[in-house]
Amino acid sequence: MLIKTVECNLIGKKIHLAYTVNAMFDINDILGEKDLFDVLGRNDRENFTSFCEILSVLAENGGQCRHEAGYSKESMVTVKELKSKMLPGDYLTAKSAALQAITMGLKREVIDEDEEIDEGLAELEKKANRPEPAS
């Protein structure tokens, strides 16, 4: 199973972010008493450092998930690199990507394998949702 990741180009590297259980525990250790969404929402030096640590964890987990799924190993981003090389525009992009990865990690896709699928109904719904041809 391939864990869903969020691709992000940052400091000249393509990284994939994933919020796994391992990432959750590592991030909780980083945050201590701080709230994750509070850190993501604030723009100050203290929270920037925490954010870089969180981003590094998400990238490490995303890279590991992809590597285990057969993709080539990605170069990791370090907290030091992020702190020294991230541009202000990249910071906003990275925050958005991190939030998206966390949200995807919290969602649970439930597929009931025992549920019968009405193929006729599915085809009807497919036809009903097609756009009308232009006249």
N, C-alpha and C. Protein backbone atom coordinates (compact mmCIF):
# COMPACT_ATOMS: atom_id res chain seq x y z
N MET A 1 0.85 -1.17 0.00
CA MET A 1 0.00 0.00 0.00
C MET A 1 0.90 1.24 0.00
N LEU A 2 0.62 2.15 -0.91
CA LEU A 2 1.36 3.40 -0.97
C LEU A 2 0.64 4.46 -0.15
N ILE A 3 1.33 4.99 0.82
CA ILE A 3 0.78 6.06 1.64
C ILE A 3 0.69 7.30 0.76
N LYS A 4 -0.40 8.03 0.86
CA LYS A 4 -0.55 9.26 0.09
C LYS A 4 0.41 10.30 0.64
N THR A 5 1.11 10.96 -0.28
CA THR A 5 2.04 12.01 0.12
C THR A 5 1.70 13.29 -0.62
N VAL A 6 2.23 14.38 -0.12
CA VAL A 6 2.08 15.68 -0.76
C VAL A 6 3.45 16.08 -1.29
N GLU A 7 3.51 16.32 -2.60
CA GLU A 7 4.77 16.72 -3.21
C GLU A 7 4.97 18.22 -3.04
N CYS A 8 6.19 18.59 -2.73
CA CYS A 8 6.52 19.99 -2.48
C CYS A 8 7.94 20.25 -2.97
N ASN A 9 8.12 21.29 -3.77
CA ASN A 9 9.47 21.71 -4.18
C ASN A 9 9.92 22.77 -3.19
N LEU A 10 11.02 22.48 -2.54
CA LEU A 10 11.49 23.36 -1.47
C LEU A 10 13.00 23.34 -1.42
N ILE A 11 13.59 24.49 -1.31
CA ILE A 11 15.04 24.71 -1.28
C ILE A 11 15.78 23.89 -2.34
N GLY A 12 15.19 23.87 -3.54
CA GLY A 12 15.81 23.18 -4.65
C GLY A 12 15.66 21.67 -4.65
N LYS A 13 14.80 21.14 -3.79
CA LYS A 13 14.59 19.69 -3.70
C LYS A 13 13.11 19.38 -3.84
N LYS A 14 12.83 18.24 -4.47
CA LYS A 14 11.46 17.74 -4.51
C LYS A 14 11.32 16.80 -3.32
N ILE A 15 10.41 17.15 -2.43
CA ILE A 15 10.19 16.31 -1.25
C ILE A 15 8.73 15.86 -1.21
N HIS A 16 8.50 14.78 -0.53
CA HIS A 16 7.15 14.26 -0.34
C HIS A 16 6.86 14.21 1.15
N LEU A 17 5.75 14.78 1.53
CA LEU A 17 5.38 14.86 2.94
C LEU A 17 4.31 13.83 3.26
N ALA A 18 4.45 13.15 4.39
CA ALA A 18 3.44 12.18 4.83
C ALA A 18 3.29 12.28 6.35
N TYR A 19 2.03 12.30 6.77
CA TYR A 19 1.71 12.32 8.20
C TYR A 19 1.29 10.92 8.60
N THR A 20 2.23 10.16 9.09
CA THR A 20 1.99 8.79 9.54
C THR A 20 1.91 8.78 11.07
N VAL A 21 1.64 7.64 11.64
CA VAL A 21 1.61 7.54 13.11
C VAL A 21 2.99 7.86 13.67
N ASN A 22 4.03 7.37 13.01
CA ASN A 22 5.39 7.66 13.45
C ASN A 22 5.64 9.17 13.43
N ALA A 23 5.22 9.82 12.34
CA ALA A 23 5.37 11.27 12.24
C ALA A 23 4.58 11.97 13.35
N MET A 24 3.39 11.48 13.63
CA MET A 24 2.56 12.08 14.67
C MET A 24 3.28 12.07 16.02
N PHE A 25 3.86 10.91 16.37
CA PHE A 25 4.55 10.83 17.66
C PHE A 25 5.81 11.70 17.67
N ASP A 26 6.56 11.70 16.57
CA ASP A 26 7.75 12.56 16.50
C ASP A 26 7.37 14.03 16.62
N ILE A 27 6.29 14.42 15.96
CA ILE A 27 5.84 15.82 16.01
C ILE A 27 5.35 16.17 17.41
N ASN A 28 4.64 15.24 18.05
CA ASN A 28 4.21 15.49 19.43
C ASN A 28 5.40 15.71 20.35
N ASP A 29 6.48 14.97 20.14
CA ASP A 29 7.70 15.16 20.93
C ASP A 29 8.29 16.55 20.69
N ILE A 30 8.27 17.00 19.44
CA ILE A 30 8.78 18.33 19.10
C ILE A 30 7.94 19.41 19.75
N LEU A 31 6.63 19.24 19.70
CA LEU A 31 5.71 20.29 20.16
C LEU A 31 5.63 20.42 21.67
N GLY A 32 5.79 19.33 22.38
CA GLY A 32 5.60 19.39 23.83
C GLY A 32 4.18 19.82 24.14
N GLU A 33 4.05 20.96 24.77
CA GLU A 33 2.73 21.47 25.16
C GLU A 33 2.08 22.33 24.07
N LYS A 34 2.81 22.64 23.00
CA LYS A 34 2.27 23.48 21.93
C LYS A 34 1.24 22.72 21.11
N ASP A 35 0.33 23.46 20.51
CA ASP A 35 -0.68 22.90 19.63
C ASP A 35 -0.18 22.92 18.19
N LEU A 36 -0.30 21.81 17.47
CA LEU A 36 0.19 21.71 16.10
C LEU A 36 -0.37 22.80 15.20
N PHE A 37 -1.67 23.01 15.25
CA PHE A 37 -2.28 23.98 14.35
C PHE A 37 -1.97 25.41 14.77
N ASP A 38 -1.67 25.62 16.03
CA ASP A 38 -1.22 26.94 16.49
C ASP A 38 0.17 27.24 15.90
N VAL A 39 1.04 26.26 15.91
CA VAL A 39 2.38 26.43 15.34
C VAL A 39 2.29 26.70 13.84
N LEU A 40 1.41 25.96 13.15
CA LEU A 40 1.26 26.16 11.71
C LEU A 40 0.65 27.53 11.39
N GLY A 41 -0.13 28.07 12.31
CA GLY A 41 -0.81 29.34 12.06
C GLY A 41 -0.01 30.58 12.41
N ARG A 42 1.02 30.45 13.21
CA ARG A 42 1.79 31.62 13.64
C ARG A 42 3.01 31.83 12.77
N ASN A 43 3.42 33.09 12.67
CA ASN A 43 4.60 33.46 11.89
C ASN A 43 5.58 34.21 12.79
N ASP A 44 6.28 33.48 13.63
CA ASP A 44 7.32 34.09 14.46
C ASP A 44 8.50 33.14 14.54
N ARG A 45 9.62 33.62 15.03
CA ARG A 45 10.86 32.83 15.02
C ARG A 45 10.72 31.52 15.79
N GLU A 46 10.13 31.57 16.98
CA GLU A 46 10.01 30.35 17.79
C GLU A 46 9.21 29.29 17.05
N ASN A 47 8.11 29.68 16.46
CA ASN A 47 7.29 28.72 15.73
C ASN A 47 7.91 28.34 14.39
N PHE A 48 8.73 29.21 13.81
CA PHE A 48 9.43 28.87 12.57
C PHE A 48 10.38 27.69 12.81
N THR A 49 11.09 27.72 13.91
CA THR A 49 12.00 26.62 14.24
C THR A 49 11.22 25.33 14.43
N SER A 50 10.12 25.39 15.16
CA SER A 50 9.27 24.20 15.36
C SER A 50 8.72 23.72 14.02
N PHE A 51 8.31 24.66 13.18
CA PHE A 51 7.76 24.29 11.87
C PHE A 51 8.81 23.57 11.02
N CYS A 52 10.04 24.07 11.03
CA CYS A 52 11.11 23.42 10.26
C CYS A 52 11.35 22.00 10.77
N GLU A 53 11.27 21.80 12.07
CA GLU A 53 11.42 20.45 12.63
C GLU A 53 10.27 19.55 12.18
N ILE A 54 9.05 20.09 12.20
CA ILE A 54 7.87 19.34 11.77
C ILE A 54 7.98 18.99 10.29
N LEU A 55 8.36 19.96 9.48
CA LEU A 55 8.49 19.74 8.05
C LEU A 55 9.54 18.67 7.74
N SER A 56 10.62 18.69 8.47
CA SER A 56 11.67 17.69 8.30
C SER A 56 11.14 16.28 8.62
N VAL A 57 10.35 16.17 9.66
CA VAL A 57 9.75 14.88 10.05
C VAL A 57 8.78 14.41 8.96
N LEU A 58 7.92 15.31 8.47
CA LEU A 58 6.96 14.94 7.43
C LEU A 58 7.69 14.48 6.17
N ALA A 59 8.78 15.18 5.81
CA ALA A 59 9.56 14.82 4.62
C ALA A 59 10.26 13.47 4.81
N GLU A 60 10.80 13.26 5.99
CA GLU A 60 11.47 11.98 6.26
C GLU A 60 10.49 10.83 6.14
N ASN A 61 9.29 11.00 6.71
CA ASN A 61 8.29 9.93 6.64
C ASN A 61 7.75 9.74 5.23
N GLY A 62 7.55 10.83 4.51
CA GLY A 62 7.10 10.72 3.13
C GLY A 62 8.13 10.02 2.26
N GLY A 63 9.39 10.40 2.41
CA GLY A 63 10.46 9.76 1.65
C GLY A 63 10.58 8.28 1.97
N GLN A 64 10.46 7.94 3.24
CA GLN A 64 10.55 6.54 3.66
C GLN A 64 9.39 5.72 3.09
N CYS A 65 8.19 6.28 3.14
CA CYS A 65 7.02 5.57 2.60
C CYS A 65 7.19 5.31 1.11
N ARG A 66 7.66 6.31 0.39
CA ARG A 66 7.85 6.14 -1.06
C ARG A 66 8.98 5.14 -1.35
N HIS A 67 10.04 5.20 -0.57
CA HIS A 67 11.16 4.27 -0.77
C HIS A 67 10.70 2.83 -0.55
N GLU A 68 9.91 2.60 0.49
CA GLU A 68 9.40 1.27 0.77
C GLU A 68 8.42 0.78 -0.30
N ALA A 69 7.82 1.74 -1.03
CA ALA A 69 6.90 1.38 -2.12
C ALA A 69 7.65 1.16 -3.44
N GLY A 70 8.99 1.30 -3.41
CA GLY A 70 9.77 1.00 -4.60
C GLY A 70 10.33 2.20 -5.34
N TYR A 71 10.04 3.39 -4.86
CA TYR A 71 10.60 4.59 -5.50
C TYR A 71 12.04 4.79 -5.03
N SER A 72 12.81 5.52 -5.82
CA SER A 72 14.20 5.77 -5.42
C SER A 72 14.24 6.64 -4.17
N LYS A 73 15.28 6.44 -3.39
CA LYS A 73 15.43 7.16 -2.13
C LYS A 73 15.62 8.65 -2.40
N GLU A 74 14.90 9.47 -1.65
CA GLU A 74 14.97 10.92 -1.80
C GLU A 74 16.02 11.49 -0.86
N SER A 75 16.61 12.60 -1.27
CA SER A 75 17.52 13.27 -0.35
C SER A 75 16.68 13.98 0.71
N MET A 76 17.08 13.84 1.94
CA MET A 76 16.32 14.41 3.04
C MET A 76 16.65 15.89 3.24
N VAL A 77 15.71 16.61 3.78
CA VAL A 77 15.96 18.00 4.14
C VAL A 77 16.20 18.07 5.63
N THR A 78 17.19 18.82 6.03
CA THR A 78 17.48 18.96 7.46
C THR A 78 16.86 20.25 7.98
N VAL A 79 16.71 20.30 9.26
CA VAL A 79 16.19 21.50 9.91
C VAL A 79 17.13 22.67 9.63
N LYS A 80 18.42 22.42 9.70
CA LYS A 80 19.40 23.47 9.45
C LYS A 80 19.26 24.02 8.03
N GLU A 81 19.10 23.14 7.04
CA GLU A 81 18.91 23.57 5.66
C GLU A 81 17.65 24.42 5.53
N LEU A 82 16.57 23.94 6.10
CA LEU A 82 15.30 24.65 6.01
C LEU A 82 15.41 26.04 6.63
N LYS A 83 16.02 26.11 7.79
CA LYS A 83 16.14 27.40 8.48
C LYS A 83 17.01 28.39 7.71
N SER A 84 18.05 27.89 7.04
CA SER A 84 18.98 28.80 6.39
C SER A 84 18.64 29.09 4.93
N LYS A 85 17.92 28.20 4.25
CA LYS A 85 17.70 28.35 2.82
C LYS A 85 16.27 28.66 2.40
N MET A 86 15.31 28.50 3.29
CA MET A 86 13.92 28.69 2.90
C MET A 86 13.62 30.17 2.69
N LEU A 87 13.03 30.48 1.53
CA LEU A 87 12.63 31.84 1.22
C LEU A 87 11.23 32.10 1.77
N PRO A 88 10.87 33.37 1.99
CA PRO A 88 9.54 33.67 2.53
C PRO A 88 8.39 33.08 1.70
N GLY A 89 8.51 33.12 0.38
CA GLY A 89 7.46 32.53 -0.46
C GLY A 89 7.39 31.02 -0.29
N ASP A 90 8.55 30.40 -0.13
CA ASP A 90 8.60 28.95 0.10
C ASP A 90 7.98 28.59 1.44
N TYR A 91 8.14 29.47 2.40
CA TYR A 91 7.61 29.24 3.75
C TYR A 91 6.09 29.08 3.69
N LEU A 92 5.44 29.94 2.94
CA LEU A 92 3.98 29.86 2.83
C LEU A 92 3.56 28.60 2.07
N THR A 93 4.30 28.28 1.01
CA THR A 93 4.01 27.07 0.24
C THR A 93 4.21 25.83 1.11
N ALA A 94 5.29 25.81 1.88
CA ALA A 94 5.59 24.67 2.75
C ALA A 94 4.53 24.51 3.84
N LYS A 95 4.05 25.62 4.38
CA LYS A 95 3.00 25.54 5.41
C LYS A 95 1.74 24.92 4.82
N SER A 96 1.39 25.35 3.63
CA SER A 96 0.21 24.81 2.97
C SER A 96 0.36 23.31 2.68
N ALA A 97 1.53 22.91 2.18
CA ALA A 97 1.79 21.50 1.89
C ALA A 97 1.78 20.66 3.16
N ALA A 98 2.36 21.18 4.24
CA ALA A 98 2.38 20.45 5.51
C ALA A 98 0.96 20.26 6.03
N LEU A 99 0.16 21.30 5.96
CA LEU A 99 -1.23 21.21 6.41
C LEU A 99 -2.01 20.20 5.57
N GLN A 100 -1.76 20.20 4.27
CA GLN A 100 -2.42 19.25 3.39
C GLN A 100 -2.01 17.82 3.73
N ALA A 101 -0.73 17.59 3.99
CA ALA A 101 -0.24 16.25 4.35
C ALA A 101 -0.85 15.79 5.68
N ILE A 102 -0.92 16.68 6.64
CA ILE A 102 -1.49 16.34 7.94
C ILE A 102 -2.97 16.00 7.79
N THR A 103 -3.67 16.80 7.01
CA THR A 103 -5.10 16.55 6.77
C THR A 103 -5.31 15.20 6.09
N MET A 104 -4.48 14.90 5.08
CA MET A 104 -4.59 13.60 4.40
C MET A 104 -4.29 12.46 5.36
N GLY A 105 -3.34 12.65 6.26
CA GLY A 105 -3.00 11.61 7.22
C GLY A 105 -4.11 11.35 8.22
N LEU A 106 -4.89 12.38 8.51
CA LEU A 106 -5.97 12.23 9.47
C LEU A 106 -7.23 11.63 8.86
N LYS A 107 -7.35 11.70 7.54
CA LYS A 107 -8.53 11.14 6.88
C LYS A 107 -8.38 9.63 6.81
N ARG A 108 -9.50 8.99 6.87
CA ARG A 108 -9.49 7.52 6.80
C ARG A 108 -10.42 7.11 5.68
N GLU A 109 -9.87 6.41 4.72
CA GLU A 109 -10.69 5.90 3.63
C GLU A 109 -11.20 4.54 4.03
N VAL A 110 -12.50 4.41 4.03
CA VAL A 110 -13.11 3.15 4.42
C VAL A 110 -13.78 2.55 3.18
N ILE A 111 -13.36 1.37 2.82
CA ILE A 111 -13.95 0.67 1.70
C ILE A 111 -14.52 -0.63 2.24
N ASP A 112 -15.82 -0.76 2.12
CA ASP A 112 -16.47 -1.98 2.58
C ASP A 112 -16.41 -3.00 1.46
N GLU A 113 -15.52 -3.99 1.61
CA GLU A 113 -15.33 -4.97 0.56
C GLU A 113 -16.53 -5.90 0.41
N ASP A 114 -17.38 -5.97 1.43
CA ASP A 114 -18.55 -6.83 1.37
C ASP A 114 -19.74 -6.14 0.71
N GLU A 115 -19.65 -4.82 0.55
CA GLU A 115 -20.75 -4.05 -0.01
C GLU A 115 -20.90 -4.38 -1.50
N GLU A 116 -22.14 -4.66 -1.89
CA GLU A 116 -22.39 -4.96 -3.29
C GLU A 116 -22.41 -3.65 -4.09
N ILE A 117 -21.87 -3.72 -5.30
CA ILE A 117 -21.84 -2.56 -6.16
C ILE A 117 -22.85 -2.77 -7.28
N ASP A 118 -23.77 -1.82 -7.41
CA ASP A 118 -24.75 -1.88 -8.48
C ASP A 118 -24.12 -1.24 -9.72
N GLU A 119 -23.62 -2.09 -10.63
CA GLU A 119 -22.91 -1.58 -11.80
C GLU A 119 -23.82 -0.79 -12.72
N GLY A 120 -25.07 -1.19 -12.81
CA GLY A 120 -26.03 -0.45 -13.65
C GLY A 120 -26.26 0.95 -13.11
N LEU A 121 -26.42 1.06 -11.80
CA LEU A 121 -26.60 2.36 -11.18
C LEU A 121 -25.35 3.22 -11.33
N ALA A 122 -24.18 2.62 -11.17
CA ALA A 122 -22.93 3.36 -11.33
C ALA A 122 -22.79 3.91 -12.74
N GLU A 123 -23.19 3.13 -13.75
CA GLU A 123 -23.13 3.58 -15.14
C GLU A 123 -24.13 4.72 -15.38
N LEU A 124 -25.32 4.60 -14.80
CA LEU A 124 -26.32 5.66 -14.93
C LEU A 124 -25.82 6.97 -14.32
N GLU A 125 -25.23 6.87 -13.12
CA GLU A 125 -24.69 8.06 -12.45
C GLU A 125 -23.57 8.68 -13.27
N LYS A 126 -22.76 7.84 -13.88
CA LYS A 126 -21.66 8.31 -14.71
C LYS A 126 -22.21 9.11 -15.90
N LYS A 127 -23.24 8.56 -16.55
CA LYS A 127 -23.85 9.25 -17.69
C LYS A 127 -24.53 10.54 -17.25
N ALA A 128 -25.17 10.53 -16.09
CA ALA A 128 -25.88 11.71 -15.60
C ALA A 128 -24.92 12.85 -15.26
N ASN A 129 -23.69 12.52 -14.90
CA ASN A 129 -22.72 13.54 -14.50
C ASN A 129 -21.87 14.06 -15.66
N ARG A 130 -22.10 13.53 -16.88
CA ARG A 130 -21.36 14.01 -18.04
C ARG A 130 -21.83 15.41 -18.41
N PRO A 131 -20.92 16.29 -18.82
CA PRO A 131 -21.33 17.61 -19.26
C PRO A 131 -22.12 17.52 -20.57
N GLU A 132 -23.06 18.43 -20.74
CA GLU A 132 -23.85 18.49 -21.97
C GLU A 132 -22.97 18.92 -23.12
N PRO A 133 -23.14 18.32 -24.33
CA PRO A 133 -22.34 18.76 -25.47
C PRO A 133 -22.71 20.18 -25.85
N ALA A 134 -21.70 20.94 -26.28
CA ALA A 134 -21.92 22.33 -26.68
C ALA A 134 -22.68 22.35 -28.00
N SER A 135 -23.67 23.24 -28.10
CA SER A 135 -24.46 23.33 -29.34
C SER A 135 -23.95 24.44 -30.21
